Amino acid sequence: SLAPVGAWVALTGSVSWGILYLSLGLMTYIAGFDILYACQDIGFDRDQGLHSLPARLGPKRAMQVSSFLHVLTMAWLGAVHVSFGLHPVFLLFLAAIGVLLILEHWMVNPRDLSRINLAFFHINSAVSLLLLAGVLTQSFFR
């Protein structure tokens, strides 16, 4: 999640709030889906004495933390929109990302982790592509 800051500093020689918000958005997005994915390893983590968040808190509470992180993701990405003065079309992509994050959390629940790979690999890929498409598309409207 620090790659945007590193690239920004390399290109501009400065740091902006917008790029920090983007990095925070990426950090909370990545942490949120990593927690969901780690829920399938709870037994192994506990057997090996590993202190992953799902092993410590249990799957229900870990998923609540993941949901909270994804709410923060949406807030940080909204702050990116405001900070950089992006075109309103970016908000359409942001809304689609929000729908996908909700779908991801609906698909994976503490009692049924069978759809975790679908949520992890497919939905997260779509979220990443939507964020890229949102940034590229809004630039055409400027």
C-alpha atoms as a PDB file:
ATOM      1  CA  SER A   1       0.000   0.000   0.000  1.00  0.00           C
ATOM      2  CA  LEU A   2       3.028   2.287   0.179  1.00  0.00           C
ATOM      3  CA  ALA A   3       3.806   1.976  -3.533  1.00  0.00           C
ATOM      4  CA  PRO A   4       1.652   4.992  -4.486  1.00  0.00           C
ATOM      5  CA  VAL A   5       3.471   7.173  -1.954  1.00  0.00           C
ATOM      6  CA  GLY A   6       6.861   5.971  -3.175  1.00  0.00           C
ATOM      7  CA  ALA A   7       5.975   6.602  -6.819  1.00  0.00           C
ATOM      8  CA  TRP A   8       4.479  10.009  -5.987  1.00  0.00           C
ATOM      9  CA  VAL A   9       7.550  11.121  -4.057  1.00  0.00           C
ATOM     10  CA  ALA A  10       9.841   9.852  -6.832  1.00  0.00           C
ATOM     11  CA  LEU A  11       7.898  11.790  -9.466  1.00  0.00           C
ATOM     12  CA  THR A  12       7.061  14.992  -7.593  1.00  0.00           C
ATOM     13  CA  GLY A  13       9.558  15.217  -4.743  1.00  0.00           C
ATOM     14  CA  SER A  14       6.692  15.863  -2.338  1.00  0.00           C
ATOM     15  CA  VAL A  15       3.867  14.153  -0.483  1.00  0.00           C
ATOM     16  CA  SER A  16       0.210  15.109  -0.830  1.00  0.00           C
ATOM     17  CA  TRP A  17      -2.782  14.331   1.341  1.00  0.00           C
ATOM     18  CA  GLY A  18      -4.501  12.688  -1.615  1.00  0.00           C
ATOM     19  CA  ILE A  19      -1.742  10.160  -2.126  1.00  0.00           C
ATOM     20  CA  LEU A  20      -1.648   9.413   1.603  1.00  0.00           C
ATOM     21  CA  TYR A  21      -5.413   8.800   1.503  1.00  0.00           C
ATOM     22  CA  LEU A  22      -4.923   6.444  -1.442  1.00  0.00           C
ATOM     23  CA  SER A  23      -2.280   4.483   0.444  1.00  0.00           C
ATOM     24  CA  LEU A  24      -4.493   4.310   3.535  1.00  0.00           C
ATOM     25  CA  GLY A  25      -7.373   3.137   1.352  1.00  0.00           C
ATOM     26  CA  LEU A  26      -5.225   0.416  -0.138  1.00  0.00           C
ATOM     27  CA  MET A  27      -3.895  -0.597   3.274  1.00  0.00           C
ATOM     28  CA  THR A  28      -7.357  -1.020   4.792  1.00  0.00           C
ATOM     29  CA  TYR A  29      -8.640  -2.762   1.642  1.00  0.00           C
ATOM     30  CA  ILE A  30      -5.760  -5.262   1.627  1.00  0.00           C
ATOM     31  CA  ALA A  31      -5.917  -5.857   5.388  1.00  0.00           C
ATOM     32  CA  GLY A  32      -9.668  -6.389   5.183  1.00  0.00           C
ATOM     33  CA  PHE A  33      -9.522  -9.074   2.534  1.00  0.00           C
ATOM     34  CA  ASP A  34      -6.441 -10.701   4.076  1.00  0.00           C
ATOM     35  CA  ILE A  35      -8.380 -11.140   7.316  1.00  0.00           C
ATOM     36  CA  LEU A  36     -11.225 -12.814   5.422  1.00  0.00           C
ATOM     37  CA  TYR A  37      -8.807 -15.112   3.622  1.00  0.00           C
ATOM     38  CA  ALA A  38      -7.005 -15.981   6.883  1.00  0.00           C
ATOM     39  CA  CYS A  39     -10.273 -17.219   8.385  1.00  0.00           C
ATOM     40  CA  GLN A  40      -9.840 -20.494   6.554  1.00  0.00           C
ATOM     41  CA  ASP A  41      -6.542 -21.107   8.404  1.00  0.00           C
ATOM     42  CA  ILE A  42      -7.832 -20.686  11.961  1.00  0.00           C
ATOM     43  CA  GLY A  43      -7.324 -24.343  12.906  1.00  0.00           C
ATOM     44  CA  PHE A  44      -3.779 -24.430  11.562  1.00  0.00           C
ATOM     45  CA  ASP A  45      -2.900 -21.104  13.186  1.00  0.00           C
ATOM     46  CA  ARG A  46      -4.166 -22.249  16.567  1.00  0.00           C
ATOM     47  CA  ASP A  47      -2.433 -25.642  16.298  1.00  0.00           C
ATOM     48  CA  GLN A  48       0.867 -23.940  15.466  1.00  0.00           C
ATOM     49  CA  GLY A  49       0.533 -21.241  18.114  1.00  0.00           C
ATOM     50  CA  LEU A  50       0.194 -18.475  15.532  1.00  0.00           C
ATOM     51  CA  HIS A  51      -1.611 -15.356  16.644  1.00  0.00           C
ATOM     52  CA  SER A  52      -3.490 -14.339  13.522  1.00  0.00           C
ATOM     53  CA  LEU A  53      -6.460 -12.080  14.030  1.00  0.00           C
ATOM     54  CA  PRO A  54      -8.984 -14.813  13.110  1.00  0.00           C
ATOM     55  CA  ALA A  55      -7.269 -17.314  15.435  1.00  0.00           C
ATOM     56  CA  ARG A  56      -7.335 -14.807  18.296  1.00  0.00           C
ATOM     57  CA  LEU A  57     -10.793 -13.347  17.830  1.00  0.00           C
ATOM     58  CA  GLY A  58     -12.628 -16.156  16.084  1.00  0.00           C
ATOM     59  CA  PRO A  59     -14.133 -15.914  12.611  1.00  0.00           C
ATOM     60  CA  LYS A  60     -17.176 -13.799  13.506  1.00  0.00           C
ATOM     61  CA  ARG A  61     -15.240 -11.007  15.201  1.00  0.00           C
ATOM     62  CA  ALA A  62     -12.435 -11.174  12.618  1.00  0.00           C
ATOM     63  CA  MET A  63     -15.015 -10.678   9.884  1.00  0.00           C
ATOM     64  CA  GLN A  64     -16.424  -7.709  11.776  1.00  0.00           C
ATOM     65  CA  VAL A  65     -12.923  -6.184  11.845  1.00  0.00           C
ATOM     66  CA  SER A  66     -12.644  -6.862   8.116  1.00  0.00           C
ATOM     67  CA  SER A  67     -15.983  -5.130   7.512  1.00  0.00           C
ATOM     68  CA  PHE A  68     -14.845  -2.119   9.520  1.00  0.00           C
ATOM     69  CA  LEU A  69     -11.611  -1.939   7.533  1.00  0.00           C
ATOM     70  CA  HIS A  70     -13.577  -1.993   4.289  1.00  0.00           C
ATOM     71  CA  VAL A  71     -15.793   0.834   5.537  1.00  0.00           C
ATOM     72  CA  LEU A  72     -12.580   2.770   6.187  1.00  0.00           C
ATOM     73  CA  THR A  73     -11.441   1.867   2.668  1.00  0.00           C
ATOM     74  CA  MET A  74     -14.512   3.558   1.235  1.00  0.00           C
ATOM     75  CA  ALA A  75     -13.935   6.620   3.412  1.00  0.00           C
ATOM     76  CA  TRP A  76     -10.276   6.903   2.364  1.00  0.00           C
ATOM     77  CA  LEU A  77     -11.154   6.496  -1.314  1.00  0.00           C
ATOM     78  CA  GLY A  78     -13.824   9.156  -0.888  1.00  0.00           C
ATOM     79  CA  ALA A  79     -11.139  11.390   0.583  1.00  0.00           C
ATOM     80  CA  VAL A  80      -8.998  10.694  -2.505  1.00  0.00           C
ATOM     81  CA  HIS A  81     -11.887  11.951  -4.642  1.00  0.00           C
ATOM     82  CA  VAL A  82     -12.175  15.164  -2.649  1.00  0.00           C
ATOM     83  CA  SER A  83      -8.449  15.752  -2.175  1.00  0.00           C
ATOM     84  CA  PHE A  84      -7.574  15.410  -5.856  1.00  0.00           C
ATOM     85  CA  GLY A  85     -10.762  17.079  -7.035  1.00  0.00           C
ATOM     86  CA  LEU A  86     -11.639  14.087  -9.205  1.00  0.00           C
ATOM     87  CA  HIS A  87     -14.548  14.202 -11.612  1.00  0.00           C
ATOM     88  CA  PRO A  88     -17.902  12.987 -10.188  1.00  0.00           C
ATOM     89  CA  VAL A  89     -17.786   9.966 -12.530  1.00  0.00           C
ATOM     90  CA  PHE A  90     -15.194   8.538 -10.112  1.00  0.00           C
ATOM     91  CA  LEU A  91     -17.991   8.270  -7.544  1.00  0.00           C
ATOM     92  CA  LEU A  92     -19.829   5.797  -9.798  1.00  0.00           C
ATOM     93  CA  PHE A  93     -16.811   3.524  -9.716  1.00  0.00           C
ATOM     94  CA  LEU A  94     -16.493   4.055  -5.973  1.00  0.00           C
ATOM     95  CA  ALA A  95     -20.143   3.025  -5.536  1.00  0.00           C
ATOM     96  CA  ALA A  96     -19.522  -0.127  -7.586  1.00  0.00           C
ATOM     97  CA  ILE A  97     -16.523  -0.931  -5.384  1.00  0.00           C
ATOM     98  CA  GLY A  98     -18.720  -0.503  -2.316  1.00  0.00           C
ATOM     99  CA  VAL A  99     -21.296  -2.910  -3.749  1.00  0.00           C
ATOM    100  CA  LEU A 100     -18.583  -5.481  -4.428  1.00  0.00           C
ATOM    101  CA  LEU A 101     -17.189  -5.178  -0.904  1.00  0.00           C
ATOM    102  CA  ILE A 102     -20.674  -5.677   0.506  1.00  0.00           C
ATOM    103  CA  LEU A 103     -21.119  -8.711  -1.757  1.00  0.00           C
ATOM    104  CA  GLU A 104     -17.788 -10.095  -0.573  1.00  0.00           C
ATOM    105  CA  HIS A 105     -18.864  -9.863   3.060  1.00  0.00           C
ATOM    106  CA  TRP A 106     -22.273 -11.326   2.262  1.00  0.00           C
ATOM    107  CA  MET A 107     -20.691 -14.319   0.506  1.00  0.00           C
ATOM    108  CA  VAL A 108     -18.286 -15.212   3.304  1.00  0.00           C
ATOM    109  CA  ASN A 109     -19.681 -15.877   6.749  1.00  0.00           C
ATOM    110  CA  PRO A 110     -18.265 -17.507   9.888  1.00  0.00           C
ATOM    111  CA  ARG A 111     -20.243 -20.727   9.388  1.00  0.00           C
ATOM    112  CA  ASP A 112     -19.560 -21.153   5.672  1.00  0.00           C
ATOM    113  CA  LEU A 113     -16.143 -20.365   4.249  1.00  0.00           C
ATOM    114  CA  SER A 114     -16.731 -22.361   1.056  1.00  0.00           C
ATOM    115  CA  ARG A 115     -16.998 -19.243  -1.127  1.00  0.00           C
ATOM    116  CA  ILE A 116     -13.899 -17.555   0.235  1.00  0.00           C
ATOM    117  CA  ASN A 117     -11.803 -18.264  -2.868  1.00  0.00           C
ATOM    118  CA  LEU A 118     -14.490 -16.812  -5.128  1.00  0.00           C
ATOM    119  CA  ALA A 119     -14.702 -13.724  -2.939  1.00  0.00           C
ATOM    120  CA  PHE A 120     -10.956 -13.408  -2.551  1.00  0.00           C
ATOM    121  CA  PHE A 121      -9.767 -13.972  -6.103  1.00  0.00           C
ATOM    122  CA  HIS A 122     -12.647 -12.774  -8.255  1.00  0.00           C
ATOM    123  CA  ILE A 123     -14.251  -9.946  -6.313  1.00  0.00           C
ATOM    124  CA  ASN A 124     -10.949  -8.465  -5.201  1.00  0.00           C
ATOM    125  CA  SER A 125      -9.682  -8.558  -8.777  1.00  0.00           C
ATOM    126  CA  ALA A 126     -12.787  -6.667  -9.874  1.00  0.00           C
ATOM    127  CA  VAL A 127     -12.333  -4.094  -7.088  1.00  0.00           C
ATOM    128  CA  SER A 128      -8.769  -3.406  -8.196  1.00  0.00           C
ATOM    129  CA  LEU A 129      -9.793  -3.078 -11.838  1.00  0.00           C
ATOM    130  CA  LEU A 130     -12.695  -0.779 -10.951  1.00  0.00           C
ATOM    131  CA  LEU A 131     -10.385   1.519  -9.000  1.00  0.00           C
ATOM    132  CA  LEU A 132      -8.014   1.724 -11.958  1.00  0.00           C
ATOM    133  CA  ALA A 133     -10.906   2.230 -14.385  1.00  0.00           C
ATOM    134  CA  GLY A 134     -12.351   4.950 -12.144  1.00  0.00           C
ATOM    135  CA  VAL A 135      -9.109   6.913 -12.110  1.00  0.00           C
ATOM    136  CA  LEU A 136      -8.601   6.520 -15.856  1.00  0.00           C
ATOM    137  CA  THR A 137     -12.223   7.313 -16.772  1.00  0.00           C
ATOM    138  CA  GLN A 138     -12.466  10.420 -14.629  1.00  0.00           C
ATOM    139  CA  SER A 139      -9.354  11.784 -16.322  1.00  0.00           C
ATOM    140  CA  PHE A 140     -11.206  11.770 -19.682  1.00  0.00           C
ATOM    141  CA  PHE A 141     -13.846  14.103 -18.226  1.00  0.00           C
ATOM    142  CA  ARG A 142     -11.387  16.715 -16.961  1.00  0.00           C
END
